[in-house]
Protein backbone atom coordinates (compact mmCIF):
# COMPACT_ATOMS: atom_id res chain seq x y z
CA UNK A 1 151.35 10.16 140.18
CA UNK A 2 148.60 12.21 141.82
CA UNK A 3 145.33 12.81 140.00
CA UNK A 4 145.19 15.39 137.22
CA UNK A 5 142.93 17.81 139.07
CA UNK A 6 145.05 17.63 142.21
CA UNK A 7 148.22 18.32 140.25
CA UNK A 8 146.58 21.22 138.39
CA UNK A 9 145.59 22.90 141.64
CA UNK A 10 148.95 22.21 143.30
CA UNK A 11 150.84 23.70 140.35
CA UNK A 12 148.53 26.72 140.09
CA UNK A 13 149.08 27.42 143.78
CA UNK A 14 152.84 27.29 143.27
CA UNK A 15 152.57 29.70 140.33
CA UNK A 16 150.30 32.08 142.22
CA UNK A 17 152.66 32.18 145.21
CA UNK A 18 155.83 32.52 143.14
CA UNK A 19 157.47 35.89 142.73
CA UNK A 20 159.52 34.66 139.78
CA UNK A 21 158.81 32.26 136.89
CA UNK A 22 161.60 30.74 134.80
CA UNK A 23 160.17 29.20 131.62
CA UNK A 24 162.16 26.46 129.93
CA UNK A 25 160.71 25.74 126.50
CA UNK A 26 161.61 22.90 124.16
CA UNK A 27 160.24 21.50 120.92
CA UNK A 28 157.21 20.03 122.66
CA UNK A 29 155.83 23.51 123.32
CA UNK A 30 155.87 24.44 119.65
CA UNK A 31 154.33 21.09 118.76
CA UNK A 32 151.55 21.78 121.27
CA UNK A 33 151.09 25.16 119.59
CA UNK A 34 150.48 23.45 116.26
CA UNK A 35 153.95 23.82 114.74
CA UNK A 36 154.14 20.12 113.99
CA UNK A 37 157.03 18.91 111.83
CA UNK A 38 155.16 15.85 110.59
CA UNK A 39 151.67 14.63 109.73
CA UNK A 40 149.17 16.69 107.78
CA UNK A 41 151.10 19.89 108.26
CA UNK A 42 154.17 18.36 106.64
CA UNK A 43 152.08 17.14 103.72
CA UNK A 44 150.53 20.61 103.35
CA UNK A 45 153.89 22.28 102.79
CA UNK A 46 155.99 19.46 101.29
CA UNK A 47 153.76 17.21 99.19
CA UNK A 48 156.06 17.63 96.17
CA UNK A 49 159.16 16.89 98.28
CA UNK A 50 157.53 13.76 99.63
CA UNK A 51 157.02 12.54 96.08
CA UNK A 52 160.45 13.60 94.83
CA UNK A 53 162.69 12.80 97.81
CA UNK A 54 160.56 10.39 99.88
CA UNK A 55 160.77 12.76 102.84
CA UNK A 56 158.74 11.75 105.90
CA UNK A 57 158.90 14.83 108.15
CA UNK A 58 160.54 18.23 108.45
CA UNK A 59 162.94 17.23 111.19
CA UNK A 60 164.67 14.36 109.38
CA UNK A 61 164.53 16.09 105.99
CA UNK A 62 166.59 18.91 107.49
CA UNK A 63 169.55 16.49 107.53
CA UNK A 64 169.17 15.40 103.91
CA UNK A 65 172.49 15.59 101.98
CA UNK A 66 171.43 17.71 99.03
CA UNK A 67 173.88 17.45 96.14
CA UNK A 68 173.88 21.15 95.33
CA UNK A 69 173.50 24.41 97.19
CA UNK A 70 170.69 25.34 94.83
CA UNK A 71 168.69 22.30 96.01
CA UNK A 72 169.55 22.86 99.67
CA UNK A 73 168.35 26.46 99.75
CA UNK A 74 165.17 25.67 97.80
CA UNK A 75 164.28 23.19 100.52
CA UNK A 76 165.25 25.48 103.39
CA UNK A 77 163.28 28.37 101.93
CA UNK A 78 160.15 26.25 102.24
CA UNK A 79 161.12 25.00 105.69
CA UNK A 80 161.83 28.48 107.04
CA UNK A 81 158.65 29.89 105.51
CA UNK A 82 156.51 27.12 106.98
CA UNK A 83 157.90 27.36 110.50
CA UNK A 84 158.90 31.00 110.87
CA UNK A 85 157.06 33.32 108.50
CA UNK A 86 153.76 31.55 107.80
CA UNK A 87 152.79 30.80 111.41
CA UNK A 88 152.00 34.05 113.19
CA UNK A 89 150.72 34.15 116.75
CA UNK A 90 149.58 30.87 118.26
CA UNK A 91 146.99 30.21 120.95
CA UNK A 92 149.28 28.16 123.21
CA UNK A 93 152.00 30.81 123.32
CA UNK A 94 149.36 33.50 123.91
CA UNK A 95 147.94 31.52 126.83
CA UNK A 96 151.41 31.05 128.27
CA UNK A 97 152.02 34.79 128.04
CA UNK A 98 148.75 35.50 129.82
CA UNK A 99 149.82 33.18 132.64
CA UNK A 100 153.13 34.96 133.33
CA UNK A 101 152.78 38.52 132.03
CA UNK A 102 152.17 39.97 135.51
CA UNK A 103 155.05 38.02 137.07
CA UNK A 104 158.77 38.52 137.02
CA UNK A 105 159.51 35.96 134.31
CA UNK A 106 162.30 34.90 132.02
CA UNK A 107 162.28 32.51 129.06
CA UNK A 108 165.06 30.06 128.22
CA UNK A 109 164.30 28.24 124.97
CA UNK A 110 165.95 25.91 122.49
CA UNK A 111 163.23 26.59 119.92
CA UNK A 112 164.19 28.46 116.76
CA UNK A 113 160.82 29.61 115.36
CA UNK A 114 160.80 33.03 117.13
CA UNK A 115 157.40 32.28 118.69
CA UNK A 116 158.17 34.05 121.95
CA UNK A 117 158.92 37.27 120.07
CA UNK A 118 156.02 36.85 117.63
CA UNK A 119 153.59 36.39 120.52
CA UNK A 120 154.69 39.48 122.41
CA UNK A 121 156.91 38.21 125.20
CA UNK A 122 159.32 40.90 126.39
CA UNK A 123 162.44 40.95 124.23
CA UNK A 124 164.56 41.60 127.32
CA UNK A 125 163.23 38.41 128.95
CA UNK A 126 164.05 35.83 126.28
CA UNK A 127 167.18 33.77 125.70
CA UNK A 128 167.02 31.64 122.55
CA UNK A 129 170.17 29.57 122.89
CA UNK A 130 170.14 27.62 119.64
CA UNK A 131 169.62 30.27 116.99
CA UNK A 132 166.73 31.41 114.83
CA UNK A 133 165.33 30.40 111.44
CA UNK A 134 165.11 34.05 110.42
CA UNK A 135 168.87 34.62 110.60
CA UNK A 136 171.80 33.78 108.31
CA UNK A 137 175.47 33.70 109.24
CA UNK A 138 178.78 32.96 107.56
CA UNK A 139 179.15 29.17 107.38
CA UNK A 140 182.76 29.53 108.57
CA UNK A 141 181.88 32.11 111.24
CA UNK A 142 184.46 34.55 109.90
CA UNK A 143 182.55 37.39 111.61
CA UNK A 144 179.73 37.62 114.12
CA UNK A 145 177.11 39.62 112.22
CA UNK A 146 173.75 37.95 111.55
CA UNK A 147 171.49 38.71 108.60
CA UNK A 148 167.67 38.77 108.60
CA UNK A 149 166.43 36.59 105.75
CA UNK A 150 162.69 37.22 105.23
CA UNK A 151 163.00 38.98 101.87
CA UNK A 152 165.55 36.47 100.62
CA UNK A 153 163.37 33.52 101.65
CA UNK A 154 160.46 35.01 99.71
CA UNK A 155 162.68 35.45 96.64
CA UNK A 156 164.00 31.88 96.91
CA UNK A 157 160.49 30.51 97.02
CA UNK A 158 159.28 32.70 94.16
CA UNK A 159 162.17 31.70 91.88
CA UNK A 160 162.50 28.00 92.74
CA UNK A 161 162.20 25.71 89.73
CA UNK A 162 162.62 21.96 89.74
CA UNK A 163 163.52 22.03 93.45
CA UNK A 164 166.36 24.51 92.89
CA UNK A 165 166.93 28.20 93.36
CA UNK A 166 168.95 30.16 90.75
CA UNK A 167 172.70 29.91 91.32
CA UNK A 168 173.02 33.67 91.68
CA UNK A 169 170.73 33.52 94.74
CA UNK A 170 172.89 31.11 96.72
CA UNK A 171 173.81 33.28 99.74
CA UNK A 172 177.47 34.22 100.02
CA UNK A 173 179.26 35.77 102.97
CA UNK A 174 179.98 39.45 102.21
CA UNK A 175 183.25 39.27 104.15
CA UNK A 176 185.05 36.06 103.17
CA UNK A 177 183.05 34.83 100.17
CA UNK A 178 182.13 31.45 101.67
CA UNK A 179 178.56 30.26 101.45
CA UNK A 180 176.21 31.44 104.19
CA UNK A 181 174.38 29.13 106.58
CA UNK A 182 171.41 29.28 108.91
CA UNK A 183 172.14 30.53 112.41
CA UNK A 184 171.34 27.19 114.04
CA UNK A 185 173.57 25.46 116.57
CA UNK A 186 174.66 22.34 114.70
CA UNK A 187 178.45 22.58 114.57
CA UNK A 188 181.40 24.52 115.96
CA UNK A 189 180.74 27.44 113.62
CA UNK A 190 177.54 28.63 115.31
CA UNK A 191 177.74 32.42 115.64
CA UNK A 192 176.95 33.91 119.03
CA UNK A 193 176.52 37.58 118.22
CA UNK A 194 176.24 40.52 120.63
CA UNK A 195 172.52 39.96 121.11
CA UNK A 196 173.12 36.29 121.99
CA UNK A 197 175.64 37.30 124.65
CA UNK A 198 173.31 40.03 125.93
CA UNK A 199 170.47 37.49 126.25
CA UNK A 200 172.79 35.08 128.03
CA UNK A 201 173.89 37.78 130.47
CA UNK A 202 170.33 38.86 131.24
CA UNK A 203 169.31 35.26 131.93
CA UNK A 204 172.05 34.70 134.48
CA UNK A 205 171.42 38.12 136.02
CA UNK A 206 167.77 37.13 136.43
CA UNK A 207 168.69 33.88 138.17
CA UNK A 208 171.12 35.72 140.43
CA UNK A 209 168.50 38.29 141.44
CA UNK A 210 165.85 35.75 142.51
CA UNK A 211 165.32 36.20 146.24
CA UNK A 212 161.94 34.60 146.96
CA UNK A 213 159.73 31.69 145.91
CA UNK A 214 160.07 30.78 142.26
CA UNK A 215 158.87 28.22 139.75
CA UNK A 216 160.72 26.50 136.95
CA UNK A 217 158.02 25.99 134.32
CA UNK A 218 159.50 23.42 131.95
CA UNK A 219 157.45 22.68 128.82
CA UNK A 220 158.21 20.10 126.13
CA UNK A 221 161.87 19.57 127.02
CA UNK A 222 163.11 16.06 126.27
CA UNK A 223 166.53 14.51 125.95
CA UNK A 224 167.76 15.98 122.67
CA UNK A 225 169.76 18.72 124.44
CA UNK A 226 168.96 18.11 128.14
CA UNK A 227 172.07 19.95 129.32
CA UNK A 228 170.56 23.32 128.36
CA UNK A 229 167.26 23.27 130.25
CA UNK A 230 166.24 19.95 131.77
CA UNK A 231 169.35 19.08 133.80
CA UNK A 232 170.08 22.64 135.01
CA UNK A 233 166.46 23.08 136.10
CA UNK A 234 166.67 19.82 138.05
CA UNK A 235 169.94 20.84 139.67
CA UNK A 236 168.71 24.31 140.64
CA UNK A 237 165.45 22.87 141.99
CA UNK A 238 167.39 20.44 144.14
CA UNK A 239 169.74 23.08 145.51
CA UNK A 240 167.16 25.79 146.28
CA UNK A 241 164.51 25.39 148.99
CA UNK A 242 162.34 28.09 147.40
CA UNK A 243 162.10 26.36 144.02
CA UNK A 244 159.30 24.26 142.52
CA UNK A 245 159.70 22.48 139.19
CA UNK A 246 156.58 22.11 137.05
CA UNK A 247 157.35 19.69 134.21
CA UNK A 248 154.99 19.35 131.25
CA UNK A 249 156.05 16.59 128.87
CA UNK A 250 154.02 13.99 126.99
CA UNK A 251 156.87 11.46 126.93
CA UNK A 252 159.23 12.27 129.82
CA UNK A 253 157.27 13.93 132.65
CA UNK A 254 158.92 12.07 135.51
CA UNK A 255 160.88 13.76 138.28
CA UNK A 256 164.30 12.64 139.42
CA UNK A 257 164.11 10.88 142.82
CA UNK A 258 165.93 13.70 144.59
CA UNK A 259 163.26 16.21 143.48
CA UNK A 260 160.17 14.03 143.79
CA UNK A 261 158.59 16.25 146.46
CA UNK A 262 159.48 19.46 144.61
CA UNK A 263 158.35 18.47 141.11
CA UNK A 264 154.80 18.52 139.72
CA UNK A 265 154.64 16.46 136.54
CA UNK A 266 152.14 16.50 133.68
CA UNK A 267 151.83 14.31 130.60
CA UNK A 268 148.49 15.84 129.65
CA UNK A 269 147.70 18.48 127.01
CA UNK A 270 149.67 21.70 127.44
CA UNK A 271 146.80 23.79 126.12
CA UNK A 272 144.29 22.16 128.49
CA UNK A 273 146.59 22.85 131.43
CA UNK A 274 147.12 26.49 130.46
CA UNK A 275 143.36 26.96 129.96
CA UNK A 276 142.71 25.72 133.50
CA UNK A 277 145.43 27.88 135.06
CA UNK A 278 144.24 30.96 133.17
CA UNK A 279 140.58 30.46 134.03
CA UNK A 280 141.02 32.18 137.37
CA UNK A 281 143.10 35.13 136.12
C-alpha cells in the first residue's frame, strides 16, 4: 500500500476532478461519527441492562429473545432513543457533507440512524435501503404504511418499570391487529413503502445519468451485507473506465485484484481523512 500522504493526495485529486460522487455508507461510518454500539457509550445507556441481562453491546442485545412484548419494547425504546433521537448532528457526517455538497452526489446507505437526514444531506439524494429506527410497520406487512415513533418512544421510556412497558402501550397494527415491528430489514416482512421505492428509483436514475468522471466513496462497509454496496461498487468500478473507488475501512480496506489500479484504500481514521480533504475547500 502506498504511503498515507500519497494516498490522501491521490484520492483528493480524484474527488476534485470528479463530476459525480456516489457515497456508500456502512456501519463503520456511524462508528467513526461516535455512534458506537459498545464500550463506554453502551454502558452510559444500558448499565441496568448489563446488570440484569448480562448484555455486552447494543448490536448483540438487539437479538435477545425477550419473553414478553413488554420487555422487548422497553429495551427497544432505549435503543432507538440512544441511536436515533439522542444523537443529533455529528462532526464526521458534517465533514462528509462539506466535502460533497458542491458536487453532484448521491448516498446509498445501510445505516438506520437517519444521520444523513439529521445532518442536512439532500432528502432527494439519499437511499437508506435497510429501514430506519424512527419508523414502525406491521410485523406481518399487511399494508405498506410506516409510522413515525418519536412520541411513542418517549412514552415507552417514561413509563417503563422493571424493564417493561405497560401492556396497553405495546404497539398494534391499526389494520390487522397484529403487533407492530421496527422497519428494519431482518425478515421477509420488511415494508418497502412508496418513499423507499422513490429513493430506489432516484438512485438508479442517478447512476444512469452519470456521463463523466465519478468516484465511489465507500466508507465503513464490511461483509455483513456486501451485496448492497461493496460488491456493486467493485463491479461498477471494474466496468467503467471513468470510475475511481475510494475505500475507507479499518478492517477490510483492500481492493480486489481486478480493481487494484482503480482503488485507493484507507484503514486510517475517517475523520482525519475528511479533515485533510476539507482543508483545501
